[in-house]
Amino acid sequence: MLSYKVVEIPIVTDEAIEVVLNQWIRQGWQFDSLQFVVREASKRPSMAFVFFTRGDQPAG
Protein backbone atom coordinates (compact mmCIF):
# COMPACT_ATOMS: atom_id res chain seq x y z
CA MET A 1 0.00 0.00 0.00
CA LEU A 2 1.30 3.46 -0.89
CA SER A 3 1.34 6.15 1.82
CA TYR A 4 1.68 9.88 1.26
CA LYS A 5 3.33 12.59 3.37
CA VAL A 6 2.79 16.32 2.81
CA VAL A 7 5.10 18.83 4.49
CA GLU A 8 4.40 22.56 4.52
CA ILE A 9 7.33 24.98 4.37
CA PRO A 10 6.04 28.35 5.63
CA ILE A 11 9.24 30.30 4.86
CA VAL A 12 10.70 29.22 1.53
CA THR A 13 14.49 29.21 1.33
CA ASP A 14 16.90 26.76 -0.23
CA GLU A 15 18.09 25.79 3.25
CA ALA A 16 14.54 25.09 4.47
CA ILE A 17 13.85 22.90 1.43
CA GLU A 18 17.10 20.96 1.99
CA VAL A 19 16.27 20.37 5.66
CA VAL A 20 12.81 18.99 4.84
CA LEU A 21 14.09 16.79 2.00
CA ASN A 22 16.96 15.34 4.04
CA GLN A 23 14.82 14.82 7.16
CA TRP A 24 12.07 12.82 5.47
CA ILE A 25 14.29 10.89 3.04
CA ARG A 26 16.33 9.64 6.03
CA GLN A 27 13.07 8.32 7.48
CA GLY A 28 12.40 6.19 4.40
CA TRP A 29 10.14 8.51 2.42
CA GLN A 30 10.73 9.09 -1.30
CA PHE A 31 10.51 12.58 -2.79
CA ASP A 32 7.52 12.94 -5.12
CA SER A 33 7.07 16.64 -5.91
CA LEU A 34 7.41 20.22 -4.73
CA GLN A 35 4.74 22.89 -5.20
CA PHE A 36 5.11 26.61 -4.53
CA VAL A 37 2.39 29.05 -3.53
CA VAL A 38 2.93 32.42 -5.21
CA ARG A 39 0.87 35.56 -4.72
CA GLU A 40 0.14 37.86 -7.63
CA ALA A 41 1.91 40.81 -6.00
CA SER A 42 5.20 38.94 -5.54
CA LYS A 43 7.37 36.64 -7.62
CA ARG A 44 8.79 35.04 -4.47
CA PRO A 45 6.92 32.00 -3.11
CA SER A 46 5.01 32.66 0.10
CA MET A 47 5.08 28.97 1.07
CA ALA A 48 5.77 25.54 -0.38
CA PHE A 49 4.48 22.01 -0.03
CA VAL A 50 6.76 18.98 -0.39
CA PHE A 51 5.14 15.64 -1.24
CA PHE A 52 6.65 12.27 -0.35
CA THR A 53 5.52 8.67 -0.85
CA ARG A 54 6.42 5.39 0.81
CA GLY A 55 5.39 1.82 0.12
CA ASP A 56 4.35 0.40 3.49
CA GLN A 57 4.79 -3.23 4.41
CA PRO A 58 1.50 -5.12 4.76
CA ALA A 59 0.55 -5.96 8.35
CA GLY A 60 0.93 -9.55 9.44
C-alpha atoms as a PDB file:
ATOM      1  CA  MET A   1       0.000   0.000   0.000  1.00  0.00           C
ATOM      2  CA  LEU A   2       1.303   3.460  -0.889  1.00  0.00           C
ATOM      3  CA  SER A   3       1.339   6.152   1.816  1.00  0.00           C
ATOM      4  CA  TYR A   4       1.683   9.881   1.260  1.00  0.00           C
ATOM      5  CA  LYS A   5       3.332  12.587   3.371  1.00  0.00           C
ATOM      6  CA  VAL A   6       2.788  16.321   2.807  1.00  0.00           C
ATOM      7  CA  VAL A   7       5.098  18.827   4.492  1.00  0.00           C
ATOM      8  CA  GLU A   8       4.398  22.557   4.521  1.00  0.00           C
ATOM      9  CA  ILE A   9       7.331  24.976   4.372  1.00  0.00           C
ATOM     10  CA  PRO A  10       6.042  28.349   5.628  1.00  0.00           C
ATOM     11  CA  ILE A  11       9.244  30.303   4.862  1.00  0.00           C
ATOM     12  CA  VAL A  12      10.701  29.222   1.528  1.00  0.00           C
ATOM     13  CA  THR A  13      14.493  29.213   1.332  1.00  0.00           C
ATOM     14  CA  ASP A  14      16.899  26.763  -0.230  1.00  0.00           C
ATOM     15  CA  GLU A  15      18.087  25.790   3.255  1.00  0.00           C
ATOM     16  CA  ALA A  16      14.540  25.091   4.468  1.00  0.00           C
ATOM     17  CA  ILE A  17      13.845  22.898   1.433  1.00  0.00           C
ATOM     18  CA  GLU A  18      17.103  20.965   1.987  1.00  0.00           C
ATOM     19  CA  VAL A  19      16.266  20.365   5.663  1.00  0.00           C
ATOM     20  CA  VAL A  20      12.814  18.988   4.842  1.00  0.00           C
ATOM     21  CA  LEU A  21      14.089  16.792   2.004  1.00  0.00           C
ATOM     22  CA  ASN A  22      16.964  15.340   4.040  1.00  0.00           C
ATOM     23  CA  GLN A  23      14.818  14.818   7.159  1.00  0.00           C
ATOM     24  CA  TRP A  24      12.067  12.823   5.467  1.00  0.00           C
ATOM     25  CA  ILE A  25      14.287  10.892   3.035  1.00  0.00           C
ATOM     26  CA  ARG A  26      16.329   9.644   6.027  1.00  0.00           C
ATOM     27  CA  GLN A  27      13.066   8.323   7.477  1.00  0.00           C
ATOM     28  CA  GLY A  28      12.399   6.186   4.400  1.00  0.00           C
ATOM     29  CA  TRP A  29      10.142   8.511   2.417  1.00  0.00           C
ATOM     30  CA  GLN A  30      10.734   9.093  -1.302  1.00  0.00           C
ATOM     31  CA  PHE A  31      10.507  12.582  -2.789  1.00  0.00           C
ATOM     32  CA  ASP A  32       7.515  12.937  -5.117  1.00  0.00           C
ATOM     33  CA  SER A  33       7.070  16.635  -5.906  1.00  0.00           C
ATOM     34  CA  LEU A  34       7.406  20.223  -4.728  1.00  0.00           C
ATOM     35  CA  GLN A  35       4.735  22.894  -5.197  1.00  0.00           C
ATOM     36  CA  PHE A  36       5.115  26.607  -4.531  1.00  0.00           C
ATOM     37  CA  VAL A  37       2.389  29.046  -3.526  1.00  0.00           C
ATOM     38  CA  VAL A  38       2.934  32.415  -5.205  1.00  0.00           C
ATOM     39  CA  ARG A  39       0.869  35.556  -4.715  1.00  0.00           C
ATOM     40  CA  GLU A  40       0.142  37.865  -7.627  1.00  0.00           C
ATOM     41  CA  ALA A  41       1.913  40.811  -5.995  1.00  0.00           C
ATOM     42  CA  SER A  42       5.203  38.937  -5.540  1.00  0.00           C
ATOM     43  CA  LYS A  43       7.365  36.640  -7.617  1.00  0.00           C
ATOM     44  CA  ARG A  44       8.795  35.038  -4.474  1.00  0.00           C
ATOM     45  CA  PRO A  45       6.919  31.996  -3.110  1.00  0.00           C
ATOM     46  CA  SER A  46       5.013  32.661   0.102  1.00  0.00           C
ATOM     47  CA  MET A  47       5.079  28.970   1.069  1.00  0.00           C
ATOM     48  CA  ALA A  48       5.769  25.541  -0.380  1.00  0.00           C
ATOM     49  CA  PHE A  49       4.484  22.008  -0.031  1.00  0.00           C
ATOM     50  CA  VAL A  50       6.757  18.978  -0.394  1.00  0.00           C
ATOM     51  CA  PHE A  51       5.137  15.639  -1.235  1.00  0.00           C
ATOM     52  CA  PHE A  52       6.654  12.271  -0.349  1.00  0.00           C
ATOM     53  CA  THR A  53       5.523   8.668  -0.849  1.00  0.00           C
ATOM     54  CA  ARG A  54       6.418   5.394   0.807  1.00  0.00           C
ATOM     55  CA  GLY A  55       5.390   1.823   0.122  1.00  0.00           C
ATOM     56  CA  ASP A  56       4.349   0.401   3.493  1.00  0.00           C
ATOM     57  CA  GLN A  57       4.791  -3.228   4.409  1.00  0.00           C
ATOM     58  CA  PRO A  58       1.501  -5.118   4.756  1.00  0.00           C
ATOM     59  CA  ALA A  59       0.554  -5.963   8.352  1.00  0.00           C
ATOM     60  CA  GLY A  60       0.932  -9.554   9.441  1.00  0.00           C
END
